[in-house]
Structures are given as C-alpha cells and as structure tokens.
C-alpha cells in the first residue's frame, strides 16, 4: 500500500508563489506516474500536471508557463512549483500516484491541501 501526504498549501495573494510537496511511502513500483489534481468550489476534479517516473511531464493549458512539476525519485517526493498565482487557482490540490508496472497496477490519492489565492 502507498501513502501520500501533501503539504505546502496556504493563503497567498495574486501574483505570489507556493510550492506543494507530496511525499510517497510504502511499496513504490516503476514505471509509474504521479500527478497533481485540483478541485475548486462547485467544480469537478481536474488534472493540473503529471510527471512520469521517466521524467515526461504534462500540464493543463491554464497553468502552462506558471506551474512546474518535478519529482525526486530517490525521495519518492513530487513537487509543484506554482508561480504567478491567480484567484482561479484556488482549490484543494490532491496528489495522485498510479503504478504502471504490469504486475502491480494501483492508484492512490492523498488527502488534499488547500490553496487559496486572494485578489
């Protein structure tokens, strides 16, 4: 079983920055993909960014150029550097881990961390 713990959320003014962290523990298999999802008030959960164990990244259009996803495989930790934050970025951000190993497919979620951007 994999446990995911997010940290780094908080309250920030528009134009500011935050760095989210997701620490994974337990049985980690490769290949895998980790991602950040978010859910704003009255909205569905959406994928913000993802990063594969091999380093390939993907971003939703609304955060391209502002957010950077990264991971430290030795630490099993994923990060989301969020710059130039906007009020519309306000949401609960969730960490996700998905094993792509053929013999141990699995999908796990963290508890979420609140990001609030004031105007």
N, C-alpha and C. Protein backbone atom coordinates (compact mmCIF):
# COMPACT_ATOMS: atom_id res chain seq x y z
N UNK A 1 0.83 -1.18 0.00
CA UNK A 1 0.00 0.00 0.00
C UNK A 1 0.88 1.24 0.00
N UNK A 2 0.41 2.29 -0.67
CA UNK A 2 1.13 3.54 -0.78
C UNK A 2 0.38 4.62 -0.02
N UNK A 3 1.11 5.40 0.75
CA UNK A 3 0.54 6.56 1.44
C UNK A 3 1.10 7.83 0.82
N UNK A 4 0.23 8.81 0.61
CA UNK A 4 0.61 10.08 0.01
C UNK A 4 0.24 11.20 0.97
N UNK A 5 1.18 12.09 1.24
CA UNK A 5 0.96 13.20 2.15
C UNK A 5 1.35 14.49 1.46
N UNK A 6 0.36 15.37 1.25
CA UNK A 6 0.62 16.67 0.63
C UNK A 6 0.93 17.71 1.70
N UNK A 7 1.70 18.70 1.31
CA UNK A 7 2.00 19.83 2.18
C UNK A 7 2.33 21.05 1.32
N UNK A 8 2.31 22.21 1.93
CA UNK A 8 2.71 23.43 1.25
C UNK A 8 1.59 24.35 0.85
N UNK A 9 0.34 23.94 1.03
CA UNK A 9 -0.77 24.80 0.70
C UNK A 9 -0.88 25.95 1.69
N UNK A 10 -1.70 26.92 1.32
CA UNK A 10 -1.89 28.06 2.19
C UNK A 10 -2.59 29.20 1.48
N UNK A 11 -2.53 30.36 2.10
CA UNK A 11 -3.14 31.57 1.57
C UNK A 11 -2.06 32.47 0.99
N UNK A 12 -2.28 32.93 -0.23
CA UNK A 12 -1.31 33.78 -0.90
C UNK A 12 -2.04 34.81 -1.74
N UNK A 13 -1.43 35.97 -1.91
CA UNK A 13 -2.02 37.00 -2.75
C UNK A 13 -1.77 36.70 -4.22
N UNK A 14 -2.65 37.22 -5.08
CA UNK A 14 -2.47 37.06 -6.51
C UNK A 14 -1.09 37.53 -6.93
N UNK A 15 -0.45 36.75 -7.79
CA UNK A 15 0.90 37.04 -8.23
C UNK A 15 1.97 36.38 -7.40
N UNK A 16 1.59 35.81 -6.29
CA UNK A 16 2.54 35.15 -5.41
C UNK A 16 2.84 33.73 -5.83
N UNK A 17 3.61 33.05 -5.00
CA UNK A 17 4.06 31.70 -5.30
C UNK A 17 3.87 30.77 -4.12
N UNK A 18 3.67 29.50 -4.42
CA UNK A 18 3.63 28.43 -3.44
C UNK A 18 4.31 27.22 -4.03
N UNK A 19 4.85 26.39 -3.17
CA UNK A 19 5.43 25.13 -3.59
C UNK A 19 4.78 24.00 -2.82
N UNK A 20 4.09 23.12 -3.54
CA UNK A 20 3.46 21.97 -2.94
C UNK A 20 4.39 20.77 -2.99
N UNK A 21 4.31 19.94 -1.96
CA UNK A 21 5.08 18.72 -1.91
C UNK A 21 4.16 17.54 -1.67
N UNK A 22 4.52 16.41 -2.22
CA UNK A 22 3.79 15.16 -2.00
C UNK A 22 4.81 14.08 -1.71
N UNK A 23 4.79 13.59 -0.49
CA UNK A 23 5.71 12.54 -0.07
C UNK A 23 5.00 11.19 -0.14
N UNK A 24 5.57 10.27 -0.88
CA UNK A 24 5.02 8.93 -1.03
C UNK A 24 5.81 7.94 -0.20
N UNK A 25 5.11 7.05 0.46
CA UNK A 25 5.77 6.00 1.23
C UNK A 25 5.04 4.68 0.99
N UNK A 26 5.71 3.60 1.29
CA UNK A 26 5.15 2.29 1.05
C UNK A 26 5.85 1.60 -0.09
N UNK A 27 5.11 0.76 -0.79
CA UNK A 27 5.68 -0.01 -1.88
C UNK A 27 5.50 0.75 -3.18
N UNK A 28 6.61 1.32 -3.66
CA UNK A 28 6.61 2.10 -4.89
C UNK A 28 7.20 1.26 -6.02
N UNK A 29 6.47 1.17 -7.10
CA UNK A 29 6.91 0.39 -8.25
C UNK A 29 7.08 1.29 -9.47
N UNK A 30 7.96 0.88 -10.34
CA UNK A 30 8.18 1.58 -11.60
C UNK A 30 7.87 0.64 -12.76
N UNK A 31 7.36 1.17 -13.89
CA UNK A 31 7.09 2.60 -14.11
C UNK A 31 5.84 3.08 -13.38
N UNK A 32 5.76 4.38 -13.17
CA UNK A 32 4.60 4.96 -12.53
C UNK A 32 4.44 6.39 -13.02
N UNK A 33 3.31 6.96 -12.69
CA UNK A 33 3.06 8.37 -12.98
C UNK A 33 2.48 9.01 -11.73
N UNK A 34 2.95 10.19 -11.40
CA UNK A 34 2.40 10.97 -10.31
C UNK A 34 1.83 12.26 -10.87
N UNK A 35 0.78 12.74 -10.25
CA UNK A 35 0.16 13.94 -10.76
C UNK A 35 -0.49 14.76 -9.68
N UNK A 36 -0.72 16.02 -10.01
CA UNK A 36 -1.46 16.94 -9.16
C UNK A 36 -2.82 17.20 -9.79
N UNK A 37 -3.86 17.00 -9.03
CA UNK A 37 -5.22 17.34 -9.40
C UNK A 37 -5.72 18.45 -8.50
N UNK A 38 -6.73 19.15 -8.93
CA UNK A 38 -7.33 20.16 -8.08
C UNK A 38 -8.84 20.18 -8.28
N UNK A 39 -9.52 20.62 -7.24
CA UNK A 39 -10.96 20.73 -7.28
C UNK A 39 -11.36 22.05 -6.62
N UNK A 40 -11.83 22.98 -7.43
CA UNK A 40 -12.33 24.24 -6.92
C UNK A 40 -13.77 24.12 -6.49
N UNK A 41 -14.28 25.14 -5.79
CA UNK A 41 -15.67 25.09 -5.31
C UNK A 41 -16.65 24.98 -6.48
N UNK A 42 -17.54 24.00 -6.41
CA UNK A 42 -18.53 23.80 -7.44
C UNK A 42 -18.00 23.25 -8.75
N UNK A 43 -16.78 22.75 -8.75
CA UNK A 43 -16.17 22.24 -9.97
C UNK A 43 -15.76 20.78 -9.80
N UNK A 44 -15.57 20.11 -10.93
CA UNK A 44 -15.06 18.74 -10.91
C UNK A 44 -13.55 18.75 -10.71
N UNK A 45 -13.06 17.64 -10.20
CA UNK A 45 -11.63 17.50 -10.06
C UNK A 45 -10.98 17.42 -11.43
N UNK A 46 -9.89 18.16 -11.62
CA UNK A 46 -9.20 18.19 -12.89
C UNK A 46 -7.72 17.93 -12.71
N UNK A 47 -7.12 17.36 -13.72
CA UNK A 47 -5.69 17.13 -13.72
C UNK A 47 -4.98 18.45 -14.00
N UNK A 48 -4.04 18.82 -13.14
CA UNK A 48 -3.26 20.03 -13.30
C UNK A 48 -1.95 19.73 -14.03
N UNK A 49 -1.23 18.74 -13.55
CA UNK A 49 0.06 18.37 -14.12
C UNK A 49 0.39 16.95 -13.72
N UNK A 50 1.18 16.29 -14.55
CA UNK A 50 1.61 14.94 -14.25
C UNK A 50 3.06 14.77 -14.65
N UNK A 51 3.70 13.81 -14.03
CA UNK A 51 5.09 13.52 -14.35
C UNK A 51 5.31 12.02 -14.21
N UNK A 52 5.86 11.43 -15.25
CA UNK A 52 6.14 10.01 -15.24
C UNK A 52 7.46 9.73 -14.53
N UNK A 53 7.65 8.48 -14.15
CA UNK A 53 8.90 8.11 -13.49
C UNK A 53 10.09 8.34 -14.40
N UNK A 54 9.87 8.32 -15.72
CA UNK A 54 10.92 8.61 -16.67
C UNK A 54 11.16 10.09 -16.90
N UNK A 55 10.33 10.96 -16.32
CA UNK A 55 10.56 12.39 -16.39
C UNK A 55 9.66 13.16 -17.35
N UNK A 56 8.86 12.50 -18.15
CA UNK A 56 7.98 13.18 -19.08
C UNK A 56 6.87 13.88 -18.32
N UNK A 57 6.62 15.15 -18.65
CA UNK A 57 5.63 15.96 -17.96
C UNK A 57 4.50 16.37 -18.88
N UNK A 58 3.37 16.72 -18.27
CA UNK A 58 2.22 17.22 -19.00
C UNK A 58 1.50 18.23 -18.11
N UNK A 59 0.93 19.28 -18.72
CA UNK A 59 0.25 20.34 -17.99
C UNK A 59 -1.06 20.68 -18.66
N UNK A 60 -2.03 21.06 -17.86
CA UNK A 60 -3.23 21.63 -18.43
C UNK A 60 -2.91 23.04 -18.92
N UNK A 61 -3.61 23.48 -19.96
CA UNK A 61 -3.26 24.73 -20.62
C UNK A 61 -3.28 25.94 -19.67
N UNK A 62 -4.17 25.95 -18.71
CA UNK A 62 -4.33 27.11 -17.86
C UNK A 62 -3.14 27.37 -16.93
N UNK A 63 -2.26 26.40 -16.75
CA UNK A 63 -1.12 26.58 -15.85
C UNK A 63 0.22 26.56 -16.58
N UNK A 64 0.22 26.32 -17.87
CA UNK A 64 1.47 26.29 -18.62
C UNK A 64 2.19 27.62 -18.52
N UNK A 65 3.48 27.55 -18.25
CA UNK A 65 4.28 28.75 -18.09
C UNK A 65 4.28 29.31 -16.69
N UNK A 66 3.38 28.83 -15.82
CA UNK A 66 3.31 29.32 -14.45
C UNK A 66 3.66 28.24 -13.43
N UNK A 67 3.25 27.00 -13.70
CA UNK A 67 3.49 25.89 -12.78
C UNK A 67 4.57 24.97 -13.34
N UNK A 68 5.34 24.37 -12.44
CA UNK A 68 6.35 23.40 -12.82
C UNK A 68 6.25 22.19 -11.92
N UNK A 69 6.08 21.02 -12.52
CA UNK A 69 6.03 19.78 -11.76
C UNK A 69 7.39 19.11 -11.82
N UNK A 70 7.79 18.51 -10.73
CA UNK A 70 9.06 17.81 -10.67
C UNK A 70 8.97 16.68 -9.67
N UNK A 71 9.95 15.82 -9.68
CA UNK A 71 9.97 14.73 -8.72
C UNK A 71 11.40 14.33 -8.41
N UNK A 72 11.58 13.84 -7.21
CA UNK A 72 12.85 13.29 -6.76
C UNK A 72 12.59 11.81 -6.51
N UNK A 73 12.99 10.98 -7.45
CA UNK A 73 12.69 9.56 -7.35
C UNK A 73 13.39 8.89 -6.16
N UNK A 74 14.56 9.40 -5.80
CA UNK A 74 15.27 8.84 -4.65
C UNK A 74 14.50 9.06 -3.36
N UNK A 75 13.77 10.18 -3.28
CA UNK A 75 12.99 10.51 -2.10
C UNK A 75 11.52 10.12 -2.24
N UNK A 76 11.13 9.66 -3.42
CA UNK A 76 9.72 9.39 -3.71
C UNK A 76 8.84 10.59 -3.37
N UNK A 77 9.30 11.75 -3.77
CA UNK A 77 8.61 13.00 -3.48
C UNK A 77 8.37 13.77 -4.78
N UNK A 78 7.18 14.32 -4.90
CA UNK A 78 6.79 15.12 -6.06
C UNK A 78 6.52 16.54 -5.60
N UNK A 79 6.80 17.51 -6.48
CA UNK A 79 6.64 18.91 -6.16
C UNK A 79 5.83 19.61 -7.24
N UNK A 80 5.16 20.66 -6.84
CA UNK A 80 4.50 21.54 -7.79
C UNK A 80 4.85 22.97 -7.41
N UNK A 81 5.71 23.60 -8.21
CA UNK A 81 6.06 24.99 -8.02
C UNK A 81 5.03 25.84 -8.74
N UNK A 82 4.32 26.67 -8.01
CA UNK A 82 3.25 27.48 -8.56
C UNK A 82 3.64 28.94 -8.46
N UNK A 83 3.83 29.58 -9.60
CA UNK A 83 4.18 30.99 -9.67
C UNK A 83 3.05 31.77 -10.33
N UNK A 84 3.08 33.07 -10.15
CA UNK A 84 2.08 33.96 -10.75
C UNK A 84 0.67 33.46 -10.49
N UNK A 85 0.39 33.14 -9.25
CA UNK A 85 -0.89 32.56 -8.89
C UNK A 85 -2.04 33.54 -9.12
N UNK A 86 -3.16 32.97 -9.53
CA UNK A 86 -4.37 33.73 -9.82
C UNK A 86 -5.50 33.26 -8.92
N UNK A 87 -6.49 34.10 -8.67
CA UNK A 87 -7.62 33.66 -7.84
C UNK A 87 -8.28 32.39 -8.36
N UNK A 88 -8.32 32.20 -9.66
CA UNK A 88 -8.92 31.00 -10.22
C UNK A 88 -8.13 29.73 -9.94
N UNK A 89 -6.93 29.86 -9.40
CA UNK A 89 -6.16 28.70 -8.97
C UNK A 89 -6.61 28.17 -7.62
N UNK A 90 -7.48 28.91 -6.95
CA UNK A 90 -7.97 28.49 -5.64
C UNK A 90 -8.68 27.15 -5.74
N UNK A 91 -8.23 26.19 -4.95
CA UNK A 91 -8.78 24.84 -5.00
C UNK A 91 -8.11 23.99 -3.93
N UNK A 92 -8.66 22.81 -3.73
CA UNK A 92 -7.96 21.78 -2.97
C UNK A 92 -7.12 21.00 -3.97
N UNK A 93 -5.85 20.89 -3.69
CA UNK A 93 -4.92 20.19 -4.57
C UNK A 93 -4.63 18.81 -4.01
N UNK A 94 -4.75 17.80 -4.88
CA UNK A 94 -4.59 16.42 -4.49
C UNK A 94 -3.41 15.79 -5.22
N UNK A 95 -2.66 15.00 -4.50
CA UNK A 95 -1.58 14.22 -5.07
C UNK A 95 -2.10 12.85 -5.48
N UNK A 96 -1.66 12.37 -6.63
CA UNK A 96 -2.07 11.06 -7.12
C UNK A 96 -0.86 10.25 -7.55
N UNK A 97 -0.89 8.98 -7.23
CA UNK A 97 0.14 8.04 -7.65
C UNK A 97 -0.52 6.89 -8.37
N UNK A 98 0.00 6.54 -9.55
CA UNK A 98 -0.53 5.43 -10.32
C UNK A 98 0.62 4.55 -10.76
N UNK A 99 0.57 3.30 -10.35
CA UNK A 99 1.57 2.34 -10.79
C UNK A 99 1.26 1.89 -12.20
N UNK A 100 2.27 1.87 -13.04
CA UNK A 100 2.13 1.37 -14.40
C UNK A 100 2.87 0.03 -14.58
N UNK A 101 3.35 -0.52 -13.48
CA UNK A 101 4.01 -1.81 -13.54
C UNK A 101 2.96 -2.87 -13.83
N UNK A 102 3.22 -3.71 -14.83
CA UNK A 102 2.21 -4.65 -15.32
C UNK A 102 1.75 -5.63 -14.24
N UNK A 103 2.60 -5.93 -13.27
CA UNK A 103 2.27 -6.93 -12.26
C UNK A 103 1.67 -6.33 -10.99
N UNK A 104 1.60 -5.04 -10.89
CA UNK A 104 1.08 -4.39 -9.68
C UNK A 104 0.46 -3.05 -10.03
N UNK A 105 -0.63 -3.08 -10.77
CA UNK A 105 -1.35 -1.85 -11.09
C UNK A 105 -2.05 -1.34 -9.83
N UNK A 106 -1.96 -0.04 -9.60
CA UNK A 106 -2.55 0.55 -8.40
C UNK A 106 -2.73 2.05 -8.59
N UNK A 107 -3.62 2.63 -7.81
CA UNK A 107 -3.91 4.05 -7.88
C UNK A 107 -4.22 4.55 -6.47
N UNK A 108 -3.53 5.62 -6.04
CA UNK A 108 -3.69 6.14 -4.68
C UNK A 108 -3.83 7.65 -4.70
N UNK A 109 -4.50 8.17 -3.68
CA UNK A 109 -4.72 9.61 -3.54
C UNK A 109 -4.28 10.09 -2.17
N UNK A 110 -3.79 11.32 -2.14
CA UNK A 110 -3.53 11.99 -0.87
C UNK A 110 -4.79 12.64 -0.34
N UNK A 111 -4.67 13.26 0.82
CA UNK A 111 -5.84 13.85 1.49
C UNK A 111 -6.20 15.23 0.97
N UNK A 112 -5.29 15.86 0.25
CA UNK A 112 -5.52 17.18 -0.30
C UNK A 112 -4.95 18.29 0.57
N UNK A 113 -4.59 19.38 -0.07
CA UNK A 113 -4.12 20.57 0.63
C UNK A 113 -4.76 21.80 -0.01
N UNK A 114 -5.23 22.70 0.82
CA UNK A 114 -5.97 23.87 0.35
C UNK A 114 -5.02 24.96 -0.13
N UNK A 115 -5.30 25.47 -1.32
CA UNK A 115 -4.60 26.64 -1.86
C UNK A 115 -5.63 27.72 -2.08
N UNK A 116 -5.43 28.87 -1.46
CA UNK A 116 -6.34 29.99 -1.61
C UNK A 116 -5.56 31.21 -2.09
N UNK A 117 -6.00 31.78 -3.20
CA UNK A 117 -5.34 32.94 -3.79
C UNK A 117 -6.30 34.12 -3.72
N UNK A 118 -5.90 35.15 -3.02
CA UNK A 118 -6.73 36.33 -2.86
C UNK A 118 -6.39 37.37 -3.92
N UNK A 119 -7.38 38.17 -4.29
CA UNK A 119 -7.18 39.20 -5.29
C UNK A 119 -6.65 40.48 -4.68
